[in-house]
């Protein structure tokens, strides 16, 4: 792998991890931490300096993702419950009933 490409991936993973810290949504933060860890795993085979930086970023991102998973699961469960309630079809009223209410 090109050194510039490895460096760009490491910096992208660092930036993605930092953005994940500032996002208010636990689901978005979890996804950003996972993306940051994936971006930092890719350049692991490209040299000793980049290897250490990428490994550190990967471990930090995975730690944050592990720590944020319960909040992510709670938010996902609330969303699923809300979506299930909203997806129940309400029976349509007949035109006679709706005219009678006016």
PDB file of N, CA and C in Angstrom:
ATOM      1  N   UNK A   1       0.848  -1.176   0.000  1.00  0.00           N
ATOM      2  CA  UNK A   1       0.000   0.000   0.000  1.00  0.00           C
ATOM      3  C   UNK A   1       0.894   1.240   0.000  1.00  0.00           C
ATOM      4  N   UNK A   2       0.475   2.232  -0.727  1.00  0.00           N
ATOM      5  CA  UNK A   2       1.195   3.499  -0.796  1.00  0.00           C
ATOM      6  C   UNK A   2       1.184   4.178   0.578  1.00  0.00           C
ATOM      7  N   UNK A   3       2.320   4.785   0.955  1.00  0.00           N
ATOM      8  CA  UNK A   3       2.400   5.440   2.260  1.00  0.00           C
ATOM      9  C   UNK A   3       1.407   6.586   2.385  1.00  0.00           C
ATOM     10  N   UNK A   4       1.192   7.317   1.298  1.00  0.00           N
ATOM     11  CA  UNK A   4       0.242   8.433   1.344  1.00  0.00           C
ATOM     12  C   UNK A   4      -1.189   7.925   1.544  1.00  0.00           C
ATOM     13  N   UNK A   5      -1.514   6.817   0.914  1.00  0.00           N
ATOM     14  CA  UNK A   5      -2.852   6.250   1.077  1.00  0.00           C
ATOM     15  C   UNK A   5      -3.065   5.761   2.508  1.00  0.00           C
ATOM     16  N   UNK A   6      -2.041   5.113   3.062  1.00  0.00           N
ATOM     17  CA  UNK A   6      -2.142   4.641   4.440  1.00  0.00           C
ATOM     18  C   UNK A   6      -2.287   5.806   5.403  1.00  0.00           C
ATOM     19  N   UNK A   7      -1.532   6.854   5.171  1.00  0.00           N
ATOM     20  CA  UNK A   7      -1.619   8.036   6.025  1.00  0.00           C
ATOM     21  C   UNK A   7      -2.996   8.685   5.915  1.00  0.00           C
ATOM     22  N   UNK A   8      -3.524   8.758   4.720  1.00  0.00           N
ATOM     23  CA  UNK A   8      -4.853   9.347   4.524  1.00  0.00           C
ATOM     24  C   UNK A   8      -5.931   8.523   5.236  1.00  0.00           C
ATOM     25  N   UNK A   9      -5.815   7.202   5.182  1.00  0.00           N
ATOM     26  CA  UNK A   9      -6.790   6.350   5.866  1.00  0.00           C
ATOM     27  C   UNK A   9      -6.705   6.501   7.383  1.00  0.00           C
ATOM     28  N   UNK A  10      -5.484   6.623   7.899  1.00  0.00           N
ATOM     29  CA  UNK A  10      -5.331   6.819   9.340  1.00  0.00           C
ATOM     30  C   UNK A  10      -5.941   8.150   9.758  1.00  0.00           C
ATOM     31  N   UNK A  11      -5.663   9.203   8.999  1.00  0.00           N
ATOM     32  CA  UNK A  11      -6.237  10.510   9.338  1.00  0.00           C
ATOM     33  C   UNK A  11      -7.754  10.506   9.196  1.00  0.00           C
ATOM     34  N   UNK A  12      -8.258   9.813   8.197  1.00  0.00           N
ATOM     35  CA  UNK A  12      -9.711   9.719   8.035  1.00  0.00           C
ATOM     36  C   UNK A  12     -10.338   8.978   9.215  1.00  0.00           C
ATOM     37  N   UNK A  13      -9.669   7.949   9.703  1.00  0.00           N
ATOM     38  CA  UNK A  13     -10.199   7.224  10.856  1.00  0.00           C
ATOM     39  C   UNK A  13     -10.149   8.076  12.119  1.00  0.00           C
ATOM     40  N   UNK A  14      -9.101   8.879  12.276  1.00  0.00           N
ATOM     41  CA  UNK A  14      -9.013   9.772  13.439  1.00  0.00           C
ATOM     42  C   UNK A  14     -10.129  10.812  13.385  1.00  0.00           C
ATOM     43  N   UNK A  15     -10.326  11.413  12.234  1.00  0.00           N
ATOM     44  CA  UNK A  15     -11.369  12.436  12.086  1.00  0.00           C
ATOM     45  C   UNK A  15     -12.753  11.829  12.304  1.00  0.00           C
ATOM     46  N   UNK A  16     -12.975  10.635  11.765  1.00  0.00           N
ATOM     47  CA  UNK A  16     -14.263   9.969  11.948  1.00  0.00           C
ATOM     48  C   UNK A  16     -14.513   9.643  13.420  1.00  0.00           C
ATOM     49  N   UNK A  17     -13.473   9.220  14.127  1.00  0.00           N
ATOM     50  CA  UNK A  17     -13.611   8.947  15.554  1.00  0.00           C
ATOM     51  C   UNK A  17     -13.900  10.193  16.365  1.00  0.00           C
ATOM     52  N   UNK A  18     -13.251  11.299  16.013  1.00  0.00           N
ATOM     53  CA  UNK A  18     -13.497  12.559  16.723  1.00  0.00           C
ATOM     54  C   UNK A  18     -14.917  13.053  16.458  1.00  0.00           C
ATOM     55  N   UNK A  19     -15.378  12.946  15.233  1.00  0.00           N
ATOM     56  CA  UNK A  19     -16.749  13.343  14.911  1.00  0.00           C
ATOM     57  C   UNK A  19     -17.733  12.460  15.672  1.00  0.00           C
ATOM     58  N   UNK A  20     -17.411  11.181  15.832  1.00  0.00           N
ATOM     59  CA  UNK A  20     -18.261  10.274  16.584  1.00  0.00           C
ATOM     60  C   UNK A  20     -18.417  10.689  18.040  1.00  0.00           C
ATOM     61  N   UNK A  21     -17.396  11.364  18.589  1.00  0.00           N
ATOM     62  CA  UNK A  21     -17.479  11.836  19.971  1.00  0.00           C
ATOM     63  C   UNK A  21     -18.443  13.001  20.131  1.00  0.00           C
ATOM     64  N   UNK A  22     -18.601  13.795  19.091  1.00  0.00           N
ATOM     65  CA  UNK A  22     -19.406  14.998  19.189  1.00  0.00           C
ATOM     66  C   UNK A  22     -20.846  14.833  18.699  1.00  0.00           C
ATOM     67  N   UNK A  23     -21.148  13.717  18.082  1.00  0.00           N
ATOM     68  CA  UNK A  23     -22.506  13.475  17.591  1.00  0.00           C
ATOM     69  C   UNK A  23     -23.405  13.147  18.773  1.00  0.00           C
ATOM     70  N   UNK A  24     -24.581  13.732  18.794  1.00  0.00           N
ATOM     71  CA  UNK A  24     -25.493  13.538  19.921  1.00  0.00           C
ATOM     72  C   UNK A  24     -26.249  12.208  19.861  1.00  0.00           C
ATOM     73  N   UNK A  25     -26.428  11.655  18.681  1.00  0.00           N
ATOM     74  CA  UNK A  25     -27.149  10.399  18.530  1.00  0.00           C
ATOM     75  C   UNK A  25     -26.221   9.226  18.849  1.00  0.00           C
ATOM     76  N   UNK A  26     -26.680   8.332  19.715  1.00  0.00           N
ATOM     77  CA  UNK A  26     -25.851   7.179  20.057  1.00  0.00           C
ATOM     78  C   UNK A  26     -25.710   6.221  18.871  1.00  0.00           C
ATOM     79  N   UNK A  27     -26.724   6.142  18.035  1.00  0.00           N
ATOM     80  CA  UNK A  27     -26.645   5.272  16.861  1.00  0.00           C
ATOM     81  C   UNK A  27     -25.611   5.797  15.864  1.00  0.00           C
ATOM     82  N   UNK A  28     -25.630   7.098  15.617  1.00  0.00           N
ATOM     83  CA  UNK A  28     -24.655   7.681  14.691  1.00  0.00           C
ATOM     84  C   UNK A  28     -23.246   7.573  15.251  1.00  0.00           C
ATOM     85  N   UNK A  29     -23.096   7.795  16.544  1.00  0.00           N
ATOM     86  CA  UNK A  29     -21.782   7.661  17.165  1.00  0.00           C
ATOM     87  C   UNK A  29     -21.251   6.244  17.051  1.00  0.00           C
ATOM     88  N   UNK A  30     -22.112   5.262  17.305  1.00  0.00           N
ATOM     89  CA  UNK A  30     -21.706   3.860  17.182  1.00  0.00           C
ATOM     90  C   UNK A  30     -21.251   3.540  15.767  1.00  0.00           C
ATOM     91  N   UNK A  31     -22.019   3.977  14.784  1.00  0.00           N
ATOM     92  CA  UNK A  31     -21.660   3.714  13.377  1.00  0.00           C
ATOM     93  C   UNK A  31     -20.348   4.405  13.021  1.00  0.00           C
ATOM     94  N   UNK A  32     -20.152   5.633  13.481  1.00  0.00           N
ATOM     95  CA  UNK A  32     -18.910   6.342  13.183  1.00  0.00           C
ATOM     96  C   UNK A  32     -17.706   5.665  13.839  1.00  0.00           C
ATOM     97  N   UNK A  33     -17.857   5.147  15.040  1.00  0.00           N
ATOM     98  CA  UNK A  33     -16.750   4.432  15.676  1.00  0.00           C
ATOM     99  C   UNK A  33     -16.405   3.151  14.928  1.00  0.00           C
ATOM    100  N   UNK A  34     -17.407   2.449  14.453  1.00  0.00           N
ATOM    101  CA  UNK A  34     -17.150   1.230  13.690  1.00  0.00           C
ATOM    102  C   UNK A  34     -16.457   1.573  12.369  1.00  0.00           C
ATOM    103  N   UNK A  35     -16.913   2.633  11.710  1.00  0.00           N
ATOM    104  CA  UNK A  35     -16.266   3.062  10.459  1.00  0.00           C
ATOM    105  C   UNK A  35     -14.825   3.485  10.725  1.00  0.00           C
ATOM    106  N   UNK A  36     -14.583   4.190  11.825  1.00  0.00           N
ATOM    107  CA  UNK A  36     -13.223   4.606  12.163  1.00  0.00           C
ATOM    108  C   UNK A  36     -12.321   3.402  12.398  1.00  0.00           C
ATOM    109  N   UNK A  37     -12.844   2.379  13.050  1.00  0.00           N
ATOM    110  CA  UNK A  37     -12.015   1.198  13.277  1.00  0.00           C
ATOM    111  C   UNK A  37     -11.736   0.453  11.972  1.00  0.00           C
ATOM    112  N   UNK A  38     -12.705   0.415  11.075  1.00  0.00           N
ATOM    113  CA  UNK A  38     -12.486  -0.239   9.779  1.00  0.00           C
ATOM    114  C   UNK A  38     -11.450   0.529   8.965  1.00  0.00           C
ATOM    115  N   UNK A  39     -11.553   1.862   8.982  1.00  0.00           N
ATOM    116  CA  UNK A  39     -10.579   2.668   8.246  1.00  0.00           C
ATOM    117  C   UNK A  39      -9.172   2.519   8.801  1.00  0.00           C
ATOM    118  N   UNK A  40      -9.044   2.313  10.096  1.00  0.00           N
ATOM    119  CA  UNK A  40      -7.713   2.195  10.674  1.00  0.00           C
ATOM    120  C   UNK A  40      -7.132   0.794  10.558  1.00  0.00           C
ATOM    121  N   UNK A  41      -7.966  -0.205  10.321  1.00  0.00           N
ATOM    122  CA  UNK A  41      -7.469  -1.571  10.164  1.00  0.00           C
ATOM    123  C   UNK A  41      -6.821  -1.755   8.785  1.00  0.00           C
ATOM    124  N   UNK A  42      -7.326  -1.054   7.795  1.00  0.00           N
ATOM    125  CA  UNK A  42      -6.838  -1.231   6.425  1.00  0.00           C
ATOM    126  C   UNK A  42      -5.340  -0.956   6.298  1.00  0.00           C
ATOM    127  N   UNK A  43      -4.774   0.130   6.858  1.00  0.00           N
ATOM    128  CA  UNK A  43      -3.344   0.380   6.658  1.00  0.00           C
ATOM    129  C   UNK A  43      -2.423  -0.360   7.625  1.00  0.00           C
ATOM    130  N   UNK A  44      -2.885  -1.374   8.308  1.00  0.00           N
ATOM    131  CA  UNK A  44      -2.039  -2.069   9.276  1.00  0.00           C
ATOM    132  C   UNK A  44      -0.820  -2.738   8.641  1.00  0.00           C
ATOM    133  N   UNK A  45      -0.884  -3.077   7.407  1.00  0.00           N
ATOM    134  CA  UNK A  45       0.239  -3.753   6.766  1.00  0.00           C
ATOM    135  C   UNK A  45       1.185  -2.837   6.025  1.00  0.00           C
ATOM    136  N   UNK A  46       1.205  -1.567   6.337  1.00  0.00           N
ATOM    137  CA  UNK A  46       1.983  -0.647   5.499  1.00  0.00           C
ATOM    138  C   UNK A  46       3.149   0.022   6.209  1.00  0.00           C
ATOM    139  N   UNK A  47       3.647  -0.504   7.279  1.00  0.00           N
ATOM    140  CA  UNK A  47       4.832   0.078   7.892  1.00  0.00           C
ATOM    141  C   UNK A  47       4.707   0.187   9.398  1.00  0.00           C
ATOM    142  N   UNK A  48       5.849   0.295  10.069  1.00  0.00           N
ATOM    143  CA  UNK A  48       5.829   0.275  11.531  1.00  0.00           C
ATOM    144  C   UNK A  48       5.177   1.505  12.166  1.00  0.00           C
ATOM    145  N   UNK A  49       5.426   2.712  11.658  1.00  0.00           N
ATOM    146  CA  UNK A  49       4.855   3.921  12.259  1.00  0.00           C
ATOM    147  C   UNK A  49       3.344   3.977  12.046  1.00  0.00           C
ATOM    148  N   UNK A  50       2.943   3.759  10.813  1.00  0.00           N
ATOM    149  CA  UNK A  50       1.518   3.774  10.494  1.00  0.00           C
ATOM    150  C   UNK A  50       0.816   2.610  11.186  1.00  0.00           C
ATOM    151  N   UNK A  51       1.522   1.500  11.324  1.00  0.00           N
ATOM    152  CA  UNK A  51       0.956   0.345  11.998  1.00  0.00           C
ATOM    153  C   UNK A  51       0.594   0.674  13.446  1.00  0.00           C
ATOM    154  N   UNK A  52       1.480   1.335  14.150  1.00  0.00           N
ATOM    155  CA  UNK A  52       1.209   1.679  15.551  1.00  0.00           C
ATOM    156  C   UNK A  52       0.077   2.679  15.674  1.00  0.00           C
ATOM    157  N   UNK A  53       0.066   3.692  14.820  1.00  0.00           N
ATOM    158  CA  UNK A  53      -0.986   4.703  14.869  1.00  0.00           C
ATOM    159  C   UNK A  53      -2.334   4.079  14.521  1.00  0.00           C
ATOM    160  N   UNK A  54      -2.369   3.266  13.473  1.00  0.00           N
ATOM    161  CA  UNK A  54      -3.623   2.636  13.055  1.00  0.00           C
ATOM    162  C   UNK A  54      -4.125   1.666  14.113  1.00  0.00           C
ATOM    163  N   UNK A  55      -3.220   0.931  14.740  1.00  0.00           N
ATOM    164  CA  UNK A  55      -3.639  -0.005  15.782  1.00  0.00           C
ATOM    165  C   UNK A  55      -4.207   0.747  16.984  1.00  0.00           C
ATOM    166  N   UNK A  56      -3.590   1.866  17.343  1.00  0.00           N
ATOM    167  CA  UNK A  56      -4.093   2.660  18.471  1.00  0.00           C
ATOM    168  C   UNK A  56      -5.467   3.233  18.166  1.00  0.00           C
ATOM    169  N   UNK A  57      -5.640   3.768  16.972  1.00  0.00           N
ATOM    170  CA  UNK A  57      -6.933   4.327  16.580  1.00  0.00           C
ATOM    171  C   UNK A  57      -7.994   3.228  16.535  1.00  0.00           C
ATOM    172  N   UNK A  58      -7.612   2.055  16.048  1.00  0.00           N
ATOM    173  CA  UNK A  58      -8.552   0.947  15.965  1.00  0.00           C
ATOM    174  C   UNK A  58      -8.994   0.499  17.353  1.00  0.00           C
ATOM    175  N   UNK A  59      -8.062   0.389  18.273  1.00  0.00           N
ATOM    176  CA  UNK A  59      -8.399  -0.039  19.631  1.00  0.00           C
ATOM    177  C   UNK A  59      -9.273   1.001  20.320  1.00  0.00           C
ATOM    178  N   UNK A  60      -8.928   2.268  20.174  1.00  0.00           N
ATOM    179  CA  UNK A  60      -9.725   3.338  20.790  1.00  0.00           C
ATOM    180  C   UNK A  60     -11.131   3.360  20.209  1.00  0.00           C
ATOM    181  N   UNK A  61     -11.246   3.259  18.893  1.00  0.00           N
ATOM    182  CA  UNK A  61     -12.564   3.286  18.255  1.00  0.00           C
ATOM    183  C   UNK A  61     -13.415   2.088  18.661  1.00  0.00           C
ATOM    184  N   UNK A  62     -12.805   0.923  18.717  1.00  0.00           N
ATOM    185  CA  UNK A  62     -13.562  -0.258  19.129  1.00  0.00           C
ATOM    186  C   UNK A  62     -13.976  -0.177  20.594  1.00  0.00           C
ATOM    187  N   UNK A  63     -13.137   0.435  21.428  1.00  0.00           N
ATOM    188  CA  UNK A  63     -13.501   0.625  22.833  1.00  0.00           C
ATOM    189  C   UNK A  63     -14.694   1.556  22.960  1.00  0.00           C
ATOM    190  N   UNK A  64     -14.676   2.651  22.217  1.00  0.00           N
ATOM    191  CA  UNK A  64     -15.814   3.575  22.238  1.00  0.00           C
ATOM    192  C   UNK A  64     -17.073   2.908  21.687  1.00  0.00           C
ATOM    193  N   UNK A  65     -16.931   2.118  20.634  1.00  0.00           N
ATOM    194  CA  UNK A  65     -18.090   1.424  20.063  1.00  0.00           C
ATOM    195  C   UNK A  65     -18.649   0.414  21.065  1.00  0.00           C
ATOM    196  N   UNK A  66     -17.771  -0.303  21.757  1.00  0.00           N
ATOM    197  CA  UNK A  66     -18.215  -1.275  22.760  1.00  0.00           C
ATOM    198  C   UNK A  66     -18.932  -0.574  23.905  1.00  0.00           C
ATOM    199  N   UNK A  67     -18.396   0.560  24.316  1.00  0.00           N
ATOM    200  CA  UNK A  67     -18.997   1.324  25.400  1.00  0.00           C
ATOM    201  C   UNK A  67     -20.347   1.929  24.982  1.00  0.00           C
ATOM    202  N   UNK A  68     -20.493   2.317  23.731  1.00  0.00           N
ATOM    203  CA  UNK A  68     -21.717   2.949  23.254  1.00  0.00           C
ATOM    204  C   UNK A  68     -22.770   1.996  22.749  1.00  0.00           C
ATOM    205  N   UNK A  69     -22.473   0.692  22.694  1.00  0.00           N
ATOM    206  CA  UNK A  69     -23.440  -0.259  22.146  1.00  0.00           C
ATOM    207  C   UNK A  69     -24.739  -0.346  22.950  1.00  0.00           C
ATOM    208  N   UNK A  70     -24.721  -0.354  24.280  1.00  0.00           N
ATOM    209  CA  UNK A  70     -26.004  -0.426  25.007  1.00  0.00           C
ATOM    210  C   UNK A  70     -26.935   0.744  24.691  1.00  0.00           C
ATOM    211  N   UNK A  71     -26.390   1.948  24.578  1.00  0.00           N
ATOM    212  CA  UNK A  71     -27.223   3.104  24.226  1.00  0.00           C
ATOM    213  C   UNK A  71     -27.733   2.975  22.796  1.00  0.00           C
ATOM    214  N   UNK A  72     -26.901   2.447  21.913  1.00  0.00           N
ATOM    215  CA  UNK A  72     -27.307   2.214  20.528  1.00  0.00           C
ATOM    216  C   UNK A  72     -28.449   1.202  20.476  1.00  0.00           C
ATOM    217  N   UNK A  73     -28.332   0.112  21.219  1.00  0.00           N
ATOM    218  CA  UNK A  73     -29.373  -0.912  21.227  1.00  0.00           C
ATOM    219  C   UNK A  73     -30.680  -0.366  21.802  1.00  0.00           C
ATOM    220  N   UNK A  74     -30.574   0.472  22.833  1.00  0.00           N
ATOM    221  CA  UNK A  74     -31.766   1.072  23.422  1.00  0.00           C
ATOM    222  C   UNK A  74     -32.455   2.009  22.430  1.00  0.00           C
ATOM    223  N   UNK A  75     -31.666   2.825  21.727  1.00  0.00           N
ATOM    224  CA  UNK A  75     -32.233   3.739  20.731  1.00  0.00           C
ATOM    225  C   UNK A  75     -32.857   2.966  19.574  1.00  0.00           C
ATOM    226  N   UNK A  76     -32.216   1.878  19.170  1.00  0.00           N
ATOM    227  CA  UNK A  76     -32.751   1.057  18.082  1.00  0.00           C
ATOM    228  C   UNK A  76     -34.055   0.385  18.486  1.00  0.00           C
ATOM    229  N   UNK A  77     -34.138  -0.092  19.730  1.00  0.00           N
ATOM    230  CA  UNK A  77     -35.371  -0.717  20.209  1.00  0.00           C
ATOM    231  C   UNK A  77     -36.513   0.294  20.269  1.00  0.00           C
ATOM    232  N   UNK A  78     -36.211   1.515  20.708  1.00  0.00           N
ATOM    233  CA  UNK A  78     -37.239   2.558  20.748  1.00  0.00           C
ATOM    234  C   UNK A  78     -37.712   2.906  19.339  1.00  0.00           C
ATOM    235  N   UNK A  79     -36.781   2.956  18.394  1.00  0.00           N
ATOM    236  CA  UNK A  79     -37.154   3.247  17.009  1.00  0.00           C
ATOM    237  C   UNK A  79     -38.022   2.131  16.431  1.00  0.00           C
ATOM    238  N   UNK A  80     -37.651   0.883  16.708  1.00  0.00           N
ATOM    239  CA  UNK A  80     -38.449  -0.237  16.204  1.00  0.00           C
ATOM    240  C   UNK A  80     -39.855  -0.222  16.785  1.00  0.00           C
ATOM    241  N   UNK A  81     -39.965   0.097  18.068  1.00  0.00           N
ATOM    242  CA  UNK A  81     -41.280   0.163  18.705  1.00  0.00           C
ATOM    243  C   UNK A  81     -42.114   1.276  18.079  1.00  0.00           C
ATOM    244  N   UNK A  82     -41.499   2.430  17.872  1.00  0.00           N
ATOM    245  CA  UNK A  82     -42.194   3.557  17.256  1.00  0.00           C
ATOM    246  C   UNK A  82     -42.618   3.213  15.826  1.00  0.00           C
ATOM    247  N   UNK A  83     -41.743   2.566  15.084  1.00  0.00           N
ATOM    248  CA  UNK A  83     -42.063   2.200  13.700  1.00  0.00           C
ATOM    249  C   UNK A  83     -43.177   1.160  13.646  1.00  0.00           C
ATOM    250  N   UNK A  84     -43.195   0.238  14.593  1.00  0.00           N
ATOM    251  CA  UNK A  84     -44.253  -0.773  14.619  1.00  0.00           C
ATOM    252  C   UNK A  84     -45.605  -0.136  14.918  1.00  0.00           C
ATOM    253  N   UNK A  85     -45.618   0.821  15.830  1.00  0.00           N
ATOM    254  CA  UNK A  85     -46.872   1.504  16.144  1.00  0.00           C
ATOM    255  C   UNK A  85     -47.359   2.311  14.950  1.00  0.00           C
ATOM    256  N   UNK A  86     -46.450   2.998  14.291  1.00  0.00           N
ATOM    257  CA  UNK A  86     -46.827   3.837  13.146  1.00  0.00           C
ATOM    258  C   UNK A  86     -47.220   3.026  11.929  1.00  0.00           C
ATOM    259  N   UNK A  87     -46.774   1.767  11.842  1.00  0.00           N
ATOM    260  CA  UNK A  87     -47.075   0.976  10.650  1.00  0.00           C
ATOM    261  C   UNK A  87     -48.421   0.275  10.723  1.00  0.00           C
ATOM    262  N   UNK A  88     -49.075   0.301  11.876  1.00  0.00           N
ATOM    263  CA  UNK A  88     -50.402  -0.302  11.994  1.00  0.00           C
ATOM    264  C   UNK A  88     -51.376   0.546  11.184  1.00  0.00           C
ATOM    265  N   UNK A  89     -52.092  -0.099  10.293  1.00  0.00           N
ATOM    266  CA  UNK A  89     -53.003   0.639   9.420  1.00  0.00           C
ATOM    267  C   UNK A  89     -54.292   0.978  10.157  1.00  0.00           C
ATOM    268  N   UNK A  90     -54.688   2.197  10.062  1.00  0.00           N
ATOM    269  CA  UNK A  90     -55.946   2.647  10.639  1.00  0.00           C
ATOM    270  C   UNK A  90     -57.028   2.408   9.610  1.00  0.00           C
ATOM    271  N   UNK A  91     -58.150   1.785  10.000  1.00  0.00           N
ATOM    272  CA  UNK A  91     -59.206   1.542   9.012  1.00  0.00           C
ATOM    273  C   UNK A  91     -59.786   2.858   8.504  1.00  0.00           C
ATOM    274  N   UNK A  92     -60.000   2.900   7.228  1.00  0.00           N
ATOM    275  CA  UNK A  92     -60.541   4.120   6.617  1.00  0.00           C
ATOM    276  C   UNK A  92     -62.005   4.282   6.997  1.00  0.00           C
ATOM    277  N   UNK A  93     -62.389   5.520   7.290  1.00  0.00           N
ATOM    278  CA  UNK A  93     -63.782   5.787   7.623  1.00  0.00           C
ATOM    279  C   UNK A  93     -64.579   5.906   6.329  1.00  0.00           C
ATOM    280  N   UNK A  94     -65.817   5.479   6.405  1.00  0.00           N
ATOM    281  CA  UNK A  94     -66.657   5.616   5.225  1.00  0.00           C
ATOM    282  C   UNK A  94     -67.041   7.080   5.067  1.00  0.00           C
ATOM    283  N   UNK A  95     -67.444   7.437   3.885  1.00  0.00           N
ATOM    284  CA  UNK A  95     -67.806   8.834   3.625  1.00  0.00           C
ATOM    285  C   UNK A  95     -69.035   9.250   4.410  1.00  0.00           C
ATOM    286  N   UNK A  96     -69.935   8.332   4.692  1.00  0.00           N
ATOM    287  CA  UNK A  96     -71.137   8.661   5.457  1.00  0.00           C
ATOM    288  C   UNK A  96     -70.753   9.021   6.892  1.00  0.00           C
ATOM    289  N   UNK A  97     -69.826   8.259   7.484  1.00  0.00           N
ATOM    290  CA  UNK A  97     -69.392   8.530   8.843  1.00  0.00           C
ATOM    291  C   UNK A  97     -68.653   9.857   8.933  1.00  0.00           C
ATOM    292  N   UNK A  98     -67.810  10.129   7.944  1.00  0.00           N
ATOM    293  CA  UNK A  98     -67.072  11.390   7.989  1.00  0.00           C
ATOM    294  C   UNK A  98     -67.971  12.599   7.754  1.00  0.00           C
ATOM    295  N   UNK A  99     -69.038  12.432   6.937  1.00  0.00           N
ATOM    296  CA  UNK A  99     -69.967  13.541   6.733  1.00  0.00           C
ATOM    297  C   UNK A  99     -70.842  13.755   7.955  1.00  0.00           C
ATOM    298  N   UNK A 100     -71.123  12.719   8.695  1.00  0.00           N
ATOM    299  CA  UNK A 100     -71.935  12.826   9.879  1.00  0.00           C
ATOM    300  C   UNK A 100     -71.222  13.567  11.002  1.00  0.00           C
ATOM    301  N   UNK A 101     -69.908  13.575  10.992  1.00  0.00           N
ATOM    302  CA  UNK A 101     -69.129  14.231  12.045  1.00  0.00           C
ATOM    303  C   UNK A 101     -69.055  15.737  11.844  1.00  0.00           C
ATOM    304  N   UNK A 102     -69.376  16.218  10.671  1.00  0.00           N
ATOM    305  CA  UNK A 102     -69.268  17.649  10.390  1.00  0.00           C
ATOM    306  C   UNK A 102     -70.361  18.398  10.962  1.00  0.00           C
TER     307      UNK A 102
END
